[in-house]
Amino acid sequence: MTILLAAAFDNAAAANVLSVTLRNMPIAHRKRMMLARSWSTHHSILARRAVSGAIDVQFQKTPRNVS
């Protein structure tokens, strides 16, 4: 679980696995759903960044050709 948790901060697939795993943990229903929803949201954010290429992207202004 510790390795999965560490990987889930930067990896969308690991965050998704953690979310699914938390849904099946033997803890109070409310806490279980809150934690699972939180990691599911984190998964969505990481996946959206990966698709858009927003991770480690630096935008630079392109010089305008002045004629």
PDB file of N, CA and C in Angstrom:
ATOM      1  N   MET A   1       0.816  -1.192   0.000  1.00  0.00           N
ATOM      2  CA  MET A   1       0.000   0.000   0.000  1.00  0.00           C
ATOM      3  C   MET A   1       0.860   1.257   0.000  1.00  0.00           C
ATOM      4  N   THR A   2       1.987   1.223   0.689  1.00  0.00           N
ATOM      5  CA  THR A   2       2.839   2.398   0.766  1.00  0.00           C
ATOM      6  C   THR A   2       3.405   2.750  -0.608  1.00  0.00           C
ATOM      7  N   ILE A   3       3.837   1.744  -1.349  1.00  0.00           N
ATOM      8  CA  ILE A   3       4.374   1.984  -2.685  1.00  0.00           C
ATOM      9  C   ILE A   3       3.275   2.496  -3.603  1.00  0.00           C
ATOM     10  N   LEU A   4       2.095   1.926  -3.488  1.00  0.00           N
ATOM     11  CA  LEU A   4       0.961   2.381  -4.294  1.00  0.00           C
ATOM     12  C   LEU A   4       0.628   3.833  -3.978  1.00  0.00           C
ATOM     13  N   LEU A   5       0.619   4.176  -2.704  1.00  0.00           N
ATOM     14  CA  LEU A   5       0.339   5.556  -2.304  1.00  0.00           C
ATOM     15  C   LEU A   5       1.391   6.521  -2.850  1.00  0.00           C
ATOM     16  N   ALA A   6       2.654   6.142  -2.761  1.00  0.00           N
ATOM     17  CA  ALA A   6       3.727   7.004  -3.268  1.00  0.00           C
ATOM     18  C   ALA A   6       3.600   7.197  -4.773  1.00  0.00           C
ATOM     19  N   ALA A   7       3.259   6.148  -5.483  1.00  0.00           N
ATOM     20  CA  ALA A   7       3.126   6.231  -6.941  1.00  0.00           C
ATOM     21  C   ALA A   7       1.893   7.035  -7.339  1.00  0.00           C
ATOM     22  N   ALA A   8       0.848   7.003  -6.529  1.00  0.00           N
ATOM     23  CA  ALA A   8      -0.422   7.650  -6.869  1.00  0.00           C
ATOM     24  C   ALA A   8      -0.335   9.169  -6.930  1.00  0.00           C
ATOM     25  N   PHE A   9       0.673   9.756  -6.315  1.00  0.00           N
ATOM     26  CA  PHE A   9       0.799  11.217  -6.368  1.00  0.00           C
ATOM     27  C   PHE A   9       1.131  11.710  -7.771  1.00  0.00           C
ATOM     28  N   ASP A  10       1.870  10.900  -8.544  1.00  0.00           N
ATOM     29  CA  ASP A  10       2.311  11.331  -9.874  1.00  0.00           C
ATOM     30  C   ASP A  10       1.769  10.491 -11.007  1.00  0.00           C
ATOM     31  N   ASN A  11       1.125   9.375 -10.712  1.00  0.00           N
ATOM     32  CA  ASN A  11       0.703   8.437 -11.741  1.00  0.00           C
ATOM     33  C   ASN A  11      -0.811   8.264 -11.705  1.00  0.00           C
ATOM     34  N   ALA A  12      -1.465   8.551 -12.815  1.00  0.00           N
ATOM     35  CA  ALA A  12      -2.931   8.483 -12.870  1.00  0.00           C
ATOM     36  C   ALA A  12      -3.438   7.060 -12.665  1.00  0.00           C
ATOM     37  N   ALA A  13      -2.759   6.074 -13.238  1.00  0.00           N
ATOM     38  CA  ALA A  13      -3.201   4.678 -13.090  1.00  0.00           C
ATOM     39  C   ALA A  13      -3.105   4.230 -11.634  1.00  0.00           C
ATOM     40  N   ALA A  14      -2.029   4.601 -10.959  1.00  0.00           N
ATOM     41  CA  ALA A  14      -1.874   4.238  -9.547  1.00  0.00           C
ATOM     42  C   ALA A  14      -2.937   4.920  -8.689  1.00  0.00           C
ATOM     43  N   ALA A  15      -3.278   6.163  -9.013  1.00  0.00           N
ATOM     44  CA  ALA A  15      -4.330   6.865  -8.271  1.00  0.00           C
ATOM     45  C   ALA A  15      -5.672   6.165  -8.460  1.00  0.00           C
ATOM     46  N   ASN A  16      -5.917   5.674  -9.662  1.00  0.00           N
ATOM     47  CA  ASN A  16      -7.159   4.953  -9.922  1.00  0.00           C
ATOM     48  C   ASN A  16      -7.204   3.636  -9.146  1.00  0.00           C
ATOM     49  N   VAL A  17      -6.106   2.901  -9.132  1.00  0.00           N
ATOM     50  CA  VAL A  17      -6.043   1.641  -8.375  1.00  0.00           C
ATOM     51  C   VAL A  17      -6.241   1.914  -6.895  1.00  0.00           C
ATOM     52  N   LEU A  18      -5.632   2.970  -6.387  1.00  0.00           N
ATOM     53  CA  LEU A  18      -5.792   3.324  -4.979  1.00  0.00           C
ATOM     54  C   LEU A  18      -7.244   3.660  -4.669  1.00  0.00           C
ATOM     55  N   SER A  19      -7.901   4.372  -5.554  1.00  0.00           N
ATOM     56  CA  SER A  19      -9.309   4.713  -5.358  1.00  0.00           C
ATOM     57  C   SER A  19     -10.178   3.456  -5.283  1.00  0.00           C
ATOM     58  N   VAL A  20      -9.961   2.535  -6.201  1.00  0.00           N
ATOM     59  CA  VAL A  20     -10.744   1.286  -6.222  1.00  0.00           C
ATOM     60  C   VAL A  20     -10.446   0.454  -4.978  1.00  0.00           C
ATOM     61  N   THR A  21      -9.184   0.400  -4.587  1.00  0.00           N
ATOM     62  CA  THR A  21      -8.797  -0.365  -3.400  1.00  0.00           C
ATOM     63  C   THR A  21      -9.437   0.216  -2.143  1.00  0.00           C
ATOM     64  N   LEU A  22      -9.446   1.537  -2.050  1.00  0.00           N
ATOM     65  CA  LEU A  22     -10.042   2.181  -0.870  1.00  0.00           C
ATOM     66  C   LEU A  22     -11.538   1.925  -0.771  1.00  0.00           C
ATOM     67  N   ARG A  23     -12.203   1.778  -1.896  1.00  0.00           N
ATOM     68  CA  ARG A  23     -13.650   1.494  -1.880  1.00  0.00           C
ATOM     69  C   ARG A  23     -13.959   0.154  -1.221  1.00  0.00           C
ATOM     70  N   ASN A  24     -12.977  -0.739  -1.186  1.00  0.00           N
ATOM     71  CA  ASN A  24     -13.180  -2.079  -0.627  1.00  0.00           C
ATOM     72  C   ASN A  24     -12.546  -2.265   0.748  1.00  0.00           C
ATOM     73  N   MET A  25     -11.994  -1.212   1.333  1.00  0.00           N
ATOM     74  CA  MET A  25     -11.337  -1.315   2.635  1.00  0.00           C
ATOM     75  C   MET A  25     -12.375  -1.457   3.743  1.00  0.00           C
ATOM     76  N   PRO A  26     -12.028  -2.194   4.784  1.00  0.00           N
ATOM     77  CA  PRO A  26     -12.961  -2.382   5.906  1.00  0.00           C
ATOM     78  C   PRO A  26     -12.891  -1.227   6.914  1.00  0.00           C
ATOM     79  N   ILE A  27     -13.258  -0.037   6.466  1.00  0.00           N
ATOM     80  CA  ILE A  27     -13.325   1.125   7.358  1.00  0.00           C
ATOM     81  C   ILE A  27     -14.726   1.726   7.242  1.00  0.00           C
ATOM     82  N   ALA A  28     -15.003   2.719   8.051  1.00  0.00           N
ATOM     83  CA  ALA A  28     -16.328   3.341   8.051  1.00  0.00           C
ATOM     84  C   ALA A  28     -16.709   3.798   6.635  1.00  0.00           C
ATOM     85  N   HIS A  29     -17.962   3.590   6.286  1.00  0.00           N
ATOM     86  CA  HIS A  29     -18.443   3.875   4.935  1.00  0.00           C
ATOM     87  C   HIS A  29     -18.165   5.306   4.509  1.00  0.00           C
ATOM     88  N   ARG A  30     -18.474   6.257   5.364  1.00  0.00           N
ATOM     89  CA  ARG A  30     -18.305   7.673   5.008  1.00  0.00           C
ATOM     90  C   ARG A  30     -16.838   8.008   4.731  1.00  0.00           C
ATOM     91  N   LYS A  31     -15.931   7.557   5.606  1.00  0.00           N
ATOM     92  CA  LYS A  31     -14.505   7.821   5.413  1.00  0.00           C
ATOM     93  C   LYS A  31     -13.993   7.101   4.171  1.00  0.00           C
ATOM     94  N   ARG A  32     -14.444   5.878   3.970  1.00  0.00           N
ATOM     95  CA  ARG A  32     -14.034   5.089   2.804  1.00  0.00           C
ATOM     96  C   ARG A  32     -14.431   5.786   1.510  1.00  0.00           C
ATOM     97  N   MET A  33     -15.655   6.260   1.424  1.00  0.00           N
ATOM     98  CA  MET A  33     -16.128   6.931   0.212  1.00  0.00           C
ATOM     99  C   MET A  33     -15.440   8.287   0.010  1.00  0.00           C
ATOM    100  N   MET A  34     -15.183   8.999   1.111  1.00  0.00           N
ATOM    101  CA  MET A  34     -14.517  10.288   1.003  1.00  0.00           C
ATOM    102  C   MET A  34     -13.097  10.112   0.458  1.00  0.00           C
ATOM    103  N   LEU A  35     -12.354   9.146   0.991  1.00  0.00           N
ATOM    104  CA  LEU A  35     -10.991   8.900   0.522  1.00  0.00           C
ATOM    105  C   LEU A  35     -10.981   8.408  -0.925  1.00  0.00           C
ATOM    106  N   ALA A  36     -11.888   7.492  -1.249  1.00  0.00           N
ATOM    107  CA  ALA A  36     -11.949   6.966  -2.613  1.00  0.00           C
ATOM    108  C   ALA A  36     -12.297   8.071  -3.607  1.00  0.00           C
ATOM    109  N   ARG A  37     -13.231   8.928  -3.245  1.00  0.00           N
ATOM    110  CA  ARG A  37     -13.627  10.028  -4.137  1.00  0.00           C
ATOM    111  C   ARG A  37     -12.470  11.007  -4.329  1.00  0.00           C
ATOM    112  N   SER A  38     -11.732  11.253  -3.269  1.00  0.00           N
ATOM    113  CA  SER A  38     -10.587  12.156  -3.351  1.00  0.00           C
ATOM    114  C   SER A  38      -9.533  11.625  -4.326  1.00  0.00           C
ATOM    115  N   TRP A  39      -9.208  10.338  -4.232  1.00  0.00           N
ATOM    116  CA  TRP A  39      -8.213   9.766  -5.146  1.00  0.00           C
ATOM    117  C   TRP A  39      -8.764   9.615  -6.553  1.00  0.00           C
ATOM    118  N   SER A  40     -10.039   9.422  -6.680  1.00  0.00           N
ATOM    119  CA  SER A  40     -10.649   9.371  -8.003  1.00  0.00           C
ATOM    120  C   SER A  40     -10.555  10.738  -8.683  1.00  0.00           C
ATOM    121  N   THR A  41     -10.774  11.793  -7.920  1.00  0.00           N
ATOM    122  CA  THR A  41     -10.639  13.148  -8.451  1.00  0.00           C
ATOM    123  C   THR A  41      -9.191  13.429  -8.835  1.00  0.00           C
ATOM    124  N   HIS A  42      -8.267  12.988  -7.993  1.00  0.00           N
ATOM    125  CA  HIS A  42      -6.844  13.172  -8.287  1.00  0.00           C
ATOM    126  C   HIS A  42      -6.474  12.430  -9.581  1.00  0.00           C
ATOM    127  N   HIS A  43      -7.029  11.231  -9.750  1.00  0.00           N
ATOM    128  CA  HIS A  43      -6.805  10.466 -10.982  1.00  0.00           C
ATOM    129  C   HIS A  43      -7.281  11.256 -12.195  1.00  0.00           C
ATOM    130  N   SER A  44      -8.462  11.840 -12.101  1.00  0.00           N
ATOM    131  CA  SER A  44      -9.013  12.611 -13.216  1.00  0.00           C
ATOM    132  C   SER A  44      -8.118  13.799 -13.569  1.00  0.00           C
ATOM    133  N   ILE A  45      -7.607  14.475 -12.552  1.00  0.00           N
ATOM    134  CA  ILE A  45      -6.735  15.625 -12.785  1.00  0.00           C
ATOM    135  C   ILE A  45      -5.440  15.184 -13.467  1.00  0.00           C
ATOM    136  N   LEU A  46      -4.825  14.113 -12.962  1.00  0.00           N
ATOM    137  CA  LEU A  46      -3.587  13.632 -13.570  1.00  0.00           C
ATOM    138  C   LEU A  46      -3.808  13.145 -14.995  1.00  0.00           C
ATOM    139  N   ALA A  47      -4.920  12.457 -15.230  1.00  0.00           N
ATOM    140  CA  ALA A  47      -5.208  11.954 -16.573  1.00  0.00           C
ATOM    141  C   ALA A  47      -5.435  13.102 -17.543  1.00  0.00           C
ATOM    142  N   ARG A  48      -6.123  14.136 -17.094  1.00  0.00           N
ATOM    143  CA  ARG A  48      -6.380  15.294 -17.947  1.00  0.00           C
ATOM    144  C   ARG A  48      -5.069  16.007 -18.284  1.00  0.00           C
ATOM    145  N   ARG A  49      -4.167  16.100 -17.307  1.00  0.00           N
ATOM    146  CA  ARG A  49      -2.864  16.719 -17.568  1.00  0.00           C
ATOM    147  C   ARG A  49      -2.065  15.913 -18.576  1.00  0.00           C
ATOM    148  N   ALA A  50      -2.100  14.602 -18.447  1.00  0.00           N
ATOM    149  CA  ALA A  50      -1.342  13.748 -19.359  1.00  0.00           C
ATOM    150  C   ALA A  50      -1.877  13.863 -20.780  1.00  0.00           C
ATOM    151  N   VAL A  51      -3.184  13.933 -20.923  1.00  0.00           N
ATOM    152  CA  VAL A  51      -3.790  14.032 -22.249  1.00  0.00           C
ATOM    153  C   VAL A  51      -3.489  15.379 -22.879  1.00  0.00           C
ATOM    154  N   SER A  52      -3.559  16.427 -22.084  1.00  0.00           N
ATOM    155  CA  SER A  52      -3.339  17.765 -22.638  1.00  0.00           C
ATOM    156  C   SER A  52      -1.860  18.097 -22.770  1.00  0.00           C
ATOM    157  N   GLY A  53      -1.002  17.281 -22.183  1.00  0.00           N
ATOM    158  CA  GLY A  53       0.427  17.551 -22.248  1.00  0.00           C
ATOM    159  C   GLY A  53       0.848  18.683 -21.339  1.00  0.00           C
ATOM    160  N   ALA A  54       0.099  18.933 -20.285  1.00  0.00           N
ATOM    161  CA  ALA A  54       0.366  20.065 -19.410  1.00  0.00           C
ATOM    162  C   ALA A  54       1.465  19.793 -18.394  1.00  0.00           C
ATOM    163  N   ILE A  55       1.967  18.578 -18.333  1.00  0.00           N
ATOM    164  CA  ILE A  55       3.007  18.268 -17.363  1.00  0.00           C
ATOM    165  C   ILE A  55       4.357  18.703 -17.940  1.00  0.00           C
ATOM    166  N   ASP A  56       5.085  19.495 -17.205  1.00  0.00           N
ATOM    167  CA  ASP A  56       6.405  19.988 -17.579  1.00  0.00           C
ATOM    168  C   ASP A  56       6.417  20.700 -18.930  1.00  0.00           C
ATOM    169  N   VAL A  57       5.381  21.418 -19.223  1.00  0.00           N
ATOM    170  CA  VAL A  57       5.335  22.175 -20.468  1.00  0.00           C
ATOM    171  C   VAL A  57       5.567  23.644 -20.135  1.00  0.00           C
ATOM    172  N   GLN A  58       6.481  24.242 -20.831  1.00  0.00           N
ATOM    173  CA  GLN A  58       6.742  25.658 -20.640  1.00  0.00           C
ATOM    174  C   GLN A  58       6.452  26.363 -21.954  1.00  0.00           C
ATOM    175  N   PHE A  59       5.575  27.320 -21.899  1.00  0.00           N
ATOM    176  CA  PHE A  59       5.208  28.047 -23.093  1.00  0.00           C
ATOM    177  C   PHE A  59       6.096  29.282 -23.232  1.00  0.00           C
ATOM    178  N   GLN A  60       6.524  29.531 -24.445  1.00  0.00           N
ATOM    179  CA  GLN A  60       7.333  30.700 -24.714  1.00  0.00           C
ATOM    180  C   GLN A  60       6.636  31.526 -25.781  1.00  0.00           C
ATOM    181  N   LYS A  61       6.806  32.820 -25.683  1.00  0.00           N
ATOM    182  CA  LYS A  61       6.235  33.691 -26.688  1.00  0.00           C
ATOM    183  C   LYS A  61       7.030  33.533 -27.976  1.00  0.00           C
ATOM    184  N   THR A  62       6.335  33.427 -29.062  1.00  0.00           N
ATOM    185  CA  THR A  62       7.010  33.346 -30.345  1.00  0.00           C
ATOM    186  C   THR A  62       7.266  34.761 -30.846  1.00  0.00           C
ATOM    187  N   PRO A  63       8.446  34.991 -31.359  1.00  0.00           N
ATOM    188  CA  PRO A  63       8.725  36.338 -31.854  1.00  0.00           C
ATOM    189  C   PRO A  63       7.885  36.665 -33.082  1.00  0.00           C
ATOM    190  N   ARG A  64       7.405  37.878 -33.138  1.00  0.00           N
ATOM    191  CA  ARG A  64       6.625  38.319 -34.295  1.00  0.00           C
ATOM    192  C   ARG A  64       7.566  38.866 -35.357  1.00  0.00           C
ATOM    193  N   ASN A  65       7.295  38.502 -36.567  1.00  0.00           N
ATOM    194  CA  ASN A  65       8.078  39.042 -37.678  1.00  0.00           C
ATOM    195  C   ASN A  65       7.577  40.436 -37.978  1.00  0.00           C
ATOM    196  N   VAL A  66       8.412  41.381 -37.765  1.00  0.00           N
ATOM    197  CA  VAL A  66       8.044  42.775 -38.025  1.00  0.00           C
ATOM    198  C   VAL A  66       8.646  43.152 -39.372  1.00  0.00           C
ATOM    199  N   SER A  67       7.794  43.468 -40.311  1.00  0.00           N
ATOM    200  CA  SER A  67       8.281  43.825 -41.660  1.00  0.00           C
ATOM    201  C   SER A  67       8.091  45.278 -41.930  1.00  0.00           C
TER     202      SER A  67
END
